[in-house]
């Protein structure tokens, strides 16, 4: 069948951005209450997670430099729960890919998985914490604050979650996820209160990103301010996050899914599909059919979230490594969103079935969009029906005419030409 012709589109909503990230980190440290808690000669652990935070190496390096300037002896500790296959080597490898390594930073990077029980929360559940962090004189975190992919609450992704799930290692992650959404939305803050009371945690660097994945704002949050300040940062981050510029689509094509784009592989906040057992779905956007074409190599075979798509390629499913895939999903206890979708041998075949099943039999009226992933949403390709709608939006710029999609000789989309500025496009050039 003949696929719809598509045109390139750019979102142009103005975005706040931190001009000099390292300088801003230094300014925040010098003016913070947190710095006053660091004693000369003390061993300070810097918790770093596995999320794809923009400028993470710069943020961590500047934090380490500030701690050294205060006379401390800093080191990095992995704060990523069960990611990396819940192994020390897997977590070390993930951090190194973000530029967080002993060689790059000149400090020890501790990734062993030992957690110590430090108390009991108000639910009567044990509280676990990383042994290396617990043995430090002080602990700080570098944490991105943003809406979570699994639930809504006063505390979602951020400092509190890194304290509980990230530094709780596999024990802490499993402890909360086995309660489902309640364990994250309701029990997580209670566990965080125990951690703040009983550990050497002194504060965290909160990172907010804009819709273009740029560092939009930084704030140092003292331990005594955490429960008052973080909810406000979360709401600010919610307003900054990238979104699809349309409320309804017949077909959405995602070039790559992966853990480097979203903890859920495909960000539910972007596509409007939560797919969490017993939980209601989002009101918008409404997307009838979703195709997913590839799994990013940065995911190391963790195909979490593949089931948020309806249709996929055989190569995406073949790229899934069952070890981290099972570990992550069975620990998370959210199984529905990782059930395997229908798979097809080529991108063209996948898109054709997407068109055939999207409930819009008139091809000229199909509301179709292609995005590189659910993190990079500034540039997308859209069908003619969406072009006309986009022309009425002052924050959307149609940057070319509609033309046929480009496929290679294997009938797969040439994504590097569609999205040269994306992670995939940059990866191809390197």
Protein backbone atom coordinates (compact mmCIF):
# COMPACT_ATOMS: atom_id res chain seq x y z
CA UNK A 1 0.00 0.00 0.00
CA UNK A 2 1.03 3.61 -0.46
CA UNK A 3 1.85 5.29 2.83
CA UNK A 4 0.83 8.91 3.50
CA UNK A 5 3.31 11.61 2.54
CA UNK A 6 4.73 13.49 5.53
CA UNK A 7 6.21 16.94 6.18
CA UNK A 8 8.81 18.06 8.76
CA UNK A 9 7.55 20.06 11.73
CA UNK A 10 9.33 21.93 14.52
CA UNK A 11 8.01 22.98 17.92
CA UNK A 12 9.14 26.53 18.73
CA UNK A 13 7.81 27.18 22.24
CA UNK A 14 10.43 29.34 24.07
CA UNK A 15 12.36 27.35 26.67
CA UNK A 16 14.27 28.45 29.80
CA UNK A 17 17.87 27.25 29.88
CA UNK A 18 20.89 27.46 32.20
CA UNK A 19 23.64 29.12 30.15
CA UNK A 20 26.65 27.85 32.15
CA UNK A 21 25.77 24.68 34.04
CA UNK A 22 29.09 24.26 35.88
CA UNK A 23 29.12 27.90 37.00
CA UNK A 24 25.54 27.64 38.25
CA UNK A 25 26.38 24.53 40.28
CA UNK A 26 29.30 26.36 41.89
CA UNK A 27 27.10 29.38 42.65
CA UNK A 28 24.44 27.22 44.25
CA UNK A 29 26.90 25.34 46.41
CA UNK A 30 28.58 28.51 47.64
CA UNK A 31 25.22 30.00 48.69
CA UNK A 32 23.64 26.86 50.15
CA UNK A 33 22.94 25.57 53.63
CA UNK A 34 24.05 22.16 52.35
CA UNK A 35 27.65 23.34 51.98
CA UNK A 36 27.64 24.36 55.63
CA UNK A 37 27.01 20.73 56.57
CA UNK A 38 30.22 19.52 54.87
CA UNK A 39 33.19 19.23 57.24
CA UNK A 40 36.78 19.45 56.10
CA UNK A 41 38.30 16.00 55.64
CA UNK A 42 34.89 14.25 55.57
CA UNK A 43 34.05 11.48 53.10
CA UNK A 44 31.08 12.60 51.02
CA UNK A 45 29.14 10.20 48.79
CA UNK A 46 27.53 11.67 45.67
CA UNK A 47 24.54 9.60 44.56
CA UNK A 48 24.19 9.35 40.77
CA UNK A 49 21.45 7.44 38.95
CA UNK A 50 20.93 5.75 35.61
CA UNK A 51 18.52 8.23 34.00
CA UNK A 52 19.72 10.06 30.92
CA UNK A 53 20.16 13.48 32.53
CA UNK A 54 21.50 16.07 30.13
CA UNK A 55 24.91 17.41 31.24
CA UNK A 56 25.08 14.75 33.98
CA UNK A 57 28.88 14.45 33.77
CA UNK A 58 29.22 18.24 34.06
CA UNK A 59 26.79 18.34 36.99
CA UNK A 60 28.60 15.57 38.83
CA UNK A 61 32.07 16.93 38.11
CA UNK A 62 31.14 20.43 39.30
CA UNK A 63 29.61 18.96 42.46
CA UNK A 64 32.75 16.94 43.13
CA UNK A 65 34.91 20.04 42.57
CA UNK A 66 32.79 22.06 45.00
CA UNK A 67 33.07 19.34 47.62
CA UNK A 68 36.85 19.27 47.17
CA UNK A 69 36.94 23.06 47.56
CA UNK A 70 35.18 22.59 50.90
CA UNK A 71 37.97 20.23 51.96
CA UNK A 72 35.93 17.03 51.58
CA UNK A 73 36.95 13.69 50.05
CA UNK A 74 34.11 12.94 47.63
CA UNK A 75 33.26 9.71 45.83
CA UNK A 76 30.40 8.54 43.61
CA UNK A 77 27.89 5.88 44.63
CA UNK A 78 25.44 4.29 42.20
CA UNK A 79 21.84 5.22 43.05
CA UNK A 80 19.81 3.29 40.52
CA UNK A 81 17.90 0.54 42.33
CA UNK A 82 17.82 -2.65 40.25
CA UNK A 83 18.94 -1.15 36.94
CA UNK A 84 21.93 -2.57 35.11
CA UNK A 85 20.63 -6.08 35.73
CA UNK A 86 20.94 -5.41 39.49
CA UNK A 87 24.68 -6.12 39.28
CA UNK A 88 27.68 -4.02 40.29
CA UNK A 89 29.29 -4.43 36.86
CA UNK A 90 26.07 -3.53 35.05
CA UNK A 91 25.61 -0.36 37.08
CA UNK A 92 29.27 0.62 36.65
CA UNK A 93 28.89 0.24 32.89
CA UNK A 94 25.75 2.38 32.79
CA UNK A 95 27.39 5.18 34.76
CA UNK A 96 30.49 5.07 32.57
CA UNK A 97 28.36 5.57 29.47
CA UNK A 98 27.21 8.89 30.94
CA UNK A 99 30.81 9.95 31.60
CA UNK A 100 30.62 9.05 35.29
CA UNK A 101 33.67 6.85 35.83
CA UNK A 102 36.77 6.78 38.00
CA UNK A 103 38.94 7.55 34.99
CA UNK A 104 36.84 10.54 33.90
CA UNK A 105 36.24 12.07 37.33
CA UNK A 106 39.28 11.04 39.35
CA UNK A 107 37.27 9.73 42.32
CA UNK A 108 36.16 6.24 43.40
CA UNK A 109 32.89 5.04 41.86
CA UNK A 110 31.20 2.46 44.10
CA UNK A 111 28.52 0.28 42.52
CA UNK A 112 28.29 -2.80 44.74
CA UNK A 113 24.73 -3.80 45.55
CA UNK A 114 24.87 -4.30 49.33
CA UNK A 115 22.02 -2.62 51.20
CA UNK A 116 21.66 -2.34 54.98
CA UNK A 117 18.38 -2.30 56.88
CA UNK A 118 18.30 1.00 58.78
CA UNK A 119 14.83 0.98 60.28
CA UNK A 120 11.11 0.54 59.70
CA UNK A 121 8.69 2.96 58.04
CA UNK A 122 5.17 3.86 59.16
CA UNK A 123 3.78 0.96 57.12
CA UNK A 124 5.79 -1.48 59.23
CA UNK A 125 8.07 -2.20 56.27
CA UNK A 126 11.88 -2.38 56.47
CA UNK A 127 13.91 0.52 55.10
CA UNK A 128 17.04 -0.33 53.08
CA UNK A 129 20.00 1.88 52.21
CA UNK A 130 23.24 1.57 50.28
CA UNK A 131 26.08 0.38 52.55
CA UNK A 132 28.70 2.67 50.99
CA UNK A 133 26.46 5.71 51.37
CA UNK A 134 25.61 4.80 54.95
CA UNK A 135 29.30 4.58 55.87
CA UNK A 136 30.07 8.03 54.44
CA UNK A 137 30.23 11.12 56.64
CA UNK A 138 27.74 12.88 54.37
CA UNK A 139 25.68 12.08 51.27
CA UNK A 140 24.38 14.34 48.51
CA UNK A 141 22.48 13.43 45.36
CA UNK A 142 22.31 14.66 41.78
CA UNK A 143 18.66 14.05 40.89
CA UNK A 144 16.45 15.08 38.00
CA UNK A 145 12.97 16.12 39.15
CA UNK A 146 10.25 15.24 36.66
CA UNK A 147 6.85 13.55 36.37
CA UNK A 148 7.06 9.80 36.93
CA UNK A 149 6.10 7.31 34.27
CA UNK A 150 4.07 5.09 36.62
CA UNK A 151 2.02 7.23 39.01
CA UNK A 152 0.90 10.68 40.15
CA UNK A 153 1.74 12.03 43.60
CA UNK A 154 3.40 14.84 45.56
CA UNK A 155 6.76 13.10 45.09
CA UNK A 156 7.45 11.39 41.76
CA UNK A 157 10.89 11.24 40.12
CA UNK A 158 13.34 13.30 42.13
CA UNK A 159 15.45 13.46 45.26
CA UNK A 160 13.07 11.50 47.49
CA UNK A 161 12.76 8.69 44.96
CA UNK A 162 16.53 8.49 44.52
CA UNK A 163 16.94 8.21 48.30
CA UNK A 164 14.36 5.42 48.55
CA UNK A 165 14.58 3.45 45.29
CA UNK A 166 17.99 4.44 43.92
CA UNK A 167 20.00 4.18 47.13
CA UNK A 168 17.73 1.42 48.40
CA UNK A 169 19.36 -0.77 45.73
CA UNK A 170 17.45 -3.84 44.61
CA UNK A 171 16.04 -4.40 48.11
CA UNK A 172 14.51 -0.95 48.32
CA UNK A 173 13.20 -1.04 44.77
CA UNK A 174 11.55 -4.43 45.25
CA UNK A 175 10.19 -3.39 48.66
CA UNK A 176 8.15 -0.55 47.18
CA UNK A 177 7.27 -1.93 43.77
CA UNK A 178 5.69 -5.06 45.19
CA UNK A 179 2.99 -2.81 46.66
CA UNK A 180 2.27 -1.52 43.15
CA UNK A 181 1.30 2.11 42.73
CA UNK A 182 0.58 2.51 46.47
CA UNK A 183 4.17 1.60 47.27
CA UNK A 184 5.40 4.49 45.14
CA UNK A 185 2.78 7.15 45.69
CA UNK A 186 2.02 6.57 49.37
CA UNK A 187 4.76 4.50 51.00
CA UNK A 188 7.78 6.09 49.28
CA UNK A 189 7.49 9.45 51.14
CA UNK A 190 7.20 7.58 54.45
CA UNK A 191 10.39 5.66 53.73
CA UNK A 192 12.11 8.90 52.70
CA UNK A 193 11.32 10.38 56.12
CA UNK A 194 13.13 7.49 57.81
CA UNK A 195 16.12 7.92 55.50
CA UNK A 196 16.37 11.66 56.15
CA UNK A 197 16.24 10.98 59.89
CA UNK A 198 18.66 8.05 60.10
CA UNK A 199 21.28 8.53 57.38
CA UNK A 200 24.02 11.08 56.64
CA UNK A 201 22.05 12.54 53.69
CA UNK A 202 22.46 16.33 53.79
CA UNK A 203 20.87 17.56 50.56
CA UNK A 204 20.44 17.15 46.84
CA UNK A 205 21.03 19.01 43.60
CA UNK A 206 17.64 19.15 41.86
CA UNK A 207 17.83 19.26 38.06
CA UNK A 208 14.91 20.45 35.92
CA UNK A 209 15.00 20.03 32.15
CA UNK A 210 13.03 21.80 29.45
CA UNK A 211 11.24 20.31 26.45
CA UNK A 212 14.49 20.36 24.45
CA UNK A 213 16.35 18.24 27.04
CA UNK A 214 18.37 21.26 28.15
CA UNK A 215 19.11 22.08 31.76
CA UNK A 216 16.33 24.55 32.54
CA UNK A 217 16.94 25.19 36.25
CA UNK A 218 19.07 23.92 39.14
CA UNK A 219 18.37 24.15 42.85
CA UNK A 220 20.16 22.81 45.91
CA UNK A 221 17.67 21.37 48.38
CA UNK A 222 18.71 21.02 52.02
CA UNK A 223 17.59 17.89 53.86
CA UNK A 224 15.35 19.97 56.15
CA UNK A 225 13.56 21.51 53.14
CA UNK A 226 13.07 18.36 51.08
CA UNK A 227 9.43 17.59 51.86
CA UNK A 228 8.35 21.21 51.42
CA UNK A 229 10.40 22.12 48.33
CA UNK A 230 10.34 19.06 46.06
CA UNK A 231 6.56 19.05 45.33
CA UNK A 232 6.84 22.59 43.93
CA UNK A 233 9.80 21.61 41.78
CA UNK A 234 7.79 18.67 40.45
CA UNK A 235 4.95 20.92 39.32
CA UNK A 236 7.46 23.25 37.67
CA UNK A 237 9.02 20.31 35.86
CA UNK A 238 5.59 19.12 34.72
CA UNK A 239 5.05 22.44 32.98
CA UNK A 240 8.44 22.23 31.25
CA UNK A 241 8.30 18.68 29.88
CA UNK A 242 8.11 17.95 26.16
CA UNK A 243 4.76 17.02 24.69
CA UNK A 244 3.22 16.04 21.39
CA UNK A 245 1.59 19.13 19.88
CA UNK A 246 -1.62 17.26 19.00
CA UNK A 247 -4.37 15.97 21.27
CA UNK A 248 -5.41 13.13 18.94
CA UNK A 249 -3.50 10.91 16.52
CA UNK A 250 -4.56 7.93 14.46
CA UNK A 251 -0.99 6.61 14.23
CA UNK A 252 2.21 7.48 16.10
CA UNK A 253 5.49 5.97 14.92
CA UNK A 254 8.36 5.94 17.45
CA UNK A 255 11.80 5.44 15.91
CA UNK A 256 13.45 4.11 19.07
CA UNK A 257 12.29 3.13 22.52
CA UNK A 258 14.70 2.73 25.42
CA UNK A 259 15.67 3.35 29.03
CA UNK A 260 17.84 6.30 27.98
CA UNK A 261 14.68 8.07 26.78
CA UNK A 262 12.33 7.12 29.61
CA UNK A 263 12.33 4.81 32.59
CA UNK A 264 9.31 3.19 30.94
CA UNK A 265 11.02 2.87 27.55
CA UNK A 266 8.14 4.86 26.03
CA UNK A 267 7.13 7.82 28.19
CA UNK A 268 3.46 7.43 29.18
CA UNK A 269 3.27 11.17 29.86
CA UNK A 270 3.97 11.76 26.16
CA UNK A 271 1.81 9.08 24.52
CA UNK A 272 -1.06 9.12 27.01
CA UNK A 273 -0.91 5.41 27.84
CA UNK A 274 -0.17 4.40 31.40
CA UNK A 275 -0.89 0.66 31.05
CA UNK A 276 -0.60 0.03 34.78
CA UNK A 277 -2.81 -2.69 36.16
CA UNK A 278 -5.98 -1.34 37.90
CA UNK A 279 -5.06 2.31 37.16
CA UNK A 280 -7.10 4.66 34.93
CA UNK A 281 -5.60 5.87 31.67
CA UNK A 282 -4.66 9.48 30.91
CA UNK A 283 -7.21 11.78 29.32
CA UNK A 284 -4.85 12.92 26.57
CA UNK A 285 -3.36 12.60 24.11
CA UNK A 286 -5.60 9.99 22.47
CA UNK A 287 -3.59 7.78 20.12
CA UNK A 288 -5.31 4.89 18.36
CA UNK A 289 -2.24 3.00 17.17
CA UNK A 290 1.48 3.12 18.09
CA UNK A 291 4.35 1.54 16.14
CA UNK A 292 7.81 1.12 17.70
CA UNK A 293 10.69 0.36 15.36
CA UNK A 294 13.95 -0.07 17.34
CA UNK A 295 15.40 -0.57 20.81
CA UNK A 296 18.24 1.83 21.59
CA UNK A 297 21.66 0.23 22.14
CA UNK A 298 22.01 2.35 25.29
CA UNK A 299 19.26 0.19 26.83
CA UNK A 300 21.53 -2.87 26.84
CA UNK A 301 18.68 -5.13 25.80
CA UNK A 302 16.19 -3.82 28.37
CA UNK A 303 13.03 -3.57 26.28
CA UNK A 304 10.89 -2.29 29.15
CA UNK A 305 7.75 -0.58 27.86
CA UNK A 306 7.62 -2.32 24.49
CA UNK A 307 4.01 -3.27 25.24
CA UNK A 308 2.95 0.38 25.29
CA UNK A 309 3.24 0.07 21.51
CA UNK A 310 0.69 -1.98 19.58
CA UNK A 311 3.02 -2.94 16.75
CA UNK A 312 6.79 -3.39 16.53
CA UNK A 313 9.51 -4.82 14.32
CA UNK A 314 11.03 -8.24 14.68
CA UNK A 315 14.46 -6.67 15.16
CA UNK A 316 13.23 -4.69 18.16
CA UNK A 317 12.01 -7.84 19.88
CA UNK A 318 15.21 -9.69 18.87
CA UNK A 319 17.26 -6.94 20.56
CA UNK A 320 15.68 -7.64 23.94
CA UNK A 321 17.99 -9.35 26.43
CA UNK A 322 15.75 -11.43 28.71
CA UNK A 323 18.01 -11.01 31.76
CA UNK A 324 17.77 -7.21 32.35
CA UNK A 325 14.30 -7.17 30.78
CA UNK A 326 12.92 -9.68 33.27
CA UNK A 327 14.90 -8.26 36.19
CA UNK A 328 13.62 -4.71 35.68
CA UNK A 329 10.00 -5.63 35.03
CA UNK A 330 9.62 -8.32 37.66
CA UNK A 331 11.19 -5.99 40.24
CA UNK A 332 8.90 -3.14 39.15
CA UNK A 333 5.81 -5.43 39.30
CA UNK A 334 4.26 -3.55 36.34
CA UNK A 335 3.94 -6.33 33.76
CA UNK A 336 1.25 -5.24 31.36
CA UNK A 337 3.24 -2.48 29.63
CA UNK A 338 6.05 -4.90 28.71
CA UNK A 339 3.94 -7.61 27.07
CA UNK A 340 5.27 -8.21 23.57
CA UNK A 341 3.41 -6.48 20.72
CA UNK A 342 2.71 -7.85 17.23
CA UNK A 343 5.98 -7.81 15.28
CA UNK A 344 6.76 -7.44 11.57
CA UNK A 345 9.92 -8.04 9.49
CA UNK A 346 10.34 -4.46 8.20
CA UNK A 347 9.46 -0.89 9.11
CA UNK A 348 7.29 -0.59 6.02
CA UNK A 349 5.28 -3.66 6.97
CA UNK A 350 4.84 -2.33 10.51
CA UNK A 351 3.66 1.08 9.29
CA UNK A 352 1.30 -0.45 6.73
CA UNK A 353 -0.45 -2.50 9.42
CA UNK A 354 -0.53 0.60 11.61
CA UNK A 355 -2.37 2.48 8.83
CA UNK A 356 -4.70 -0.45 8.16
CA UNK A 357 -5.73 -0.75 11.82
CA UNK A 358 -5.81 2.89 12.98
CA UNK A 359 -9.58 3.30 12.46
CA UNK A 360 -9.18 5.93 9.72
CA UNK A 361 -10.01 4.31 6.36
CA UNK A 362 -9.49 7.51 4.33
CA UNK A 363 -5.74 7.81 3.83
CA UNK A 364 -5.86 11.54 3.12
CA UNK A 365 -7.40 12.13 6.54
CA UNK A 366 -4.96 10.01 8.55
CA UNK A 367 -3.50 11.93 11.48
CA UNK A 368 -0.01 10.38 11.53
CA UNK A 369 3.20 11.52 13.20
CA UNK A 370 6.74 10.13 13.45
CA UNK A 371 9.05 11.01 16.37
CA UNK A 372 12.62 9.78 17.02
CA UNK A 373 11.77 8.78 20.63
CA UNK A 374 9.57 10.08 23.44
CA UNK A 375 12.27 12.37 24.85
CA UNK A 376 13.24 14.37 21.76
CA UNK A 377 10.02 15.98 20.58
CA UNK A 378 11.13 19.29 19.11
CA UNK A 379 11.23 17.85 15.58
CA UNK A 380 8.68 15.44 14.12
CA UNK A 381 7.17 14.45 10.78
CA UNK A 382 3.41 14.71 10.23
CA UNK A 383 0.80 13.86 7.62
CA UNK A 384 -1.11 16.42 5.57
CA UNK A 385 -4.10 16.46 7.94
CA UNK A 386 -1.80 17.60 10.76
CA UNK A 387 0.08 20.09 8.59
CA UNK A 388 -3.08 22.16 8.15
CA UNK A 389 -3.69 22.12 11.90
CA UNK A 390 -0.05 23.03 12.63
CA UNK A 391 -0.21 26.12 10.42
CA UNK A 392 -2.76 27.61 12.84
CA UNK A 393 -0.47 27.17 15.87
CA UNK A 394 2.02 30.03 16.45
CA UNK A 395 4.44 27.65 18.21
CA UNK A 396 4.62 25.14 15.34
CA UNK A 397 6.71 25.68 12.23
CA UNK A 398 6.22 23.57 9.10
CA UNK A 399 9.76 23.41 7.70
CA UNK A 400 9.15 21.57 4.42
CA UNK A 401 6.64 20.09 2.02
CA UNK A 402 4.98 16.68 2.28
CA UNK A 403 6.89 13.94 0.46
CA UNK A 404 7.22 10.14 0.54
CA UNK A 405 9.05 8.55 3.45
CA UNK A 406 12.64 7.43 2.84
CA UNK A 407 13.24 3.68 3.17
CA UNK A 408 16.50 1.78 2.64
CA UNK A 409 16.85 -1.34 0.48
CA UNK A 410 15.63 -3.45 3.41
CA UNK A 411 12.38 -1.44 3.62
CA UNK A 412 13.38 0.23 6.88
CA UNK A 413 13.07 3.97 7.55
CA UNK A 414 16.30 5.96 7.24
CA UNK A 415 15.87 7.54 10.64
CA UNK A 416 19.22 9.33 10.57
CA UNK A 417 17.93 11.46 7.65
CA UNK A 418 14.55 12.05 9.23
CA UNK A 419 16.08 13.15 12.56
CA UNK A 420 19.74 14.12 12.07
CA UNK A 421 19.85 15.98 15.41
CA UNK A 422 18.47 13.09 17.50
CA UNK A 423 20.41 10.68 19.69
CA UNK A 424 20.27 8.19 16.83
CA UNK A 425 21.41 10.75 14.29
CA UNK A 426 24.37 11.77 16.45
CA UNK A 427 25.19 8.12 17.14
CA UNK A 428 25.34 7.42 13.41
CA UNK A 429 27.75 10.29 12.82
CA UNK A 430 30.07 9.16 15.59
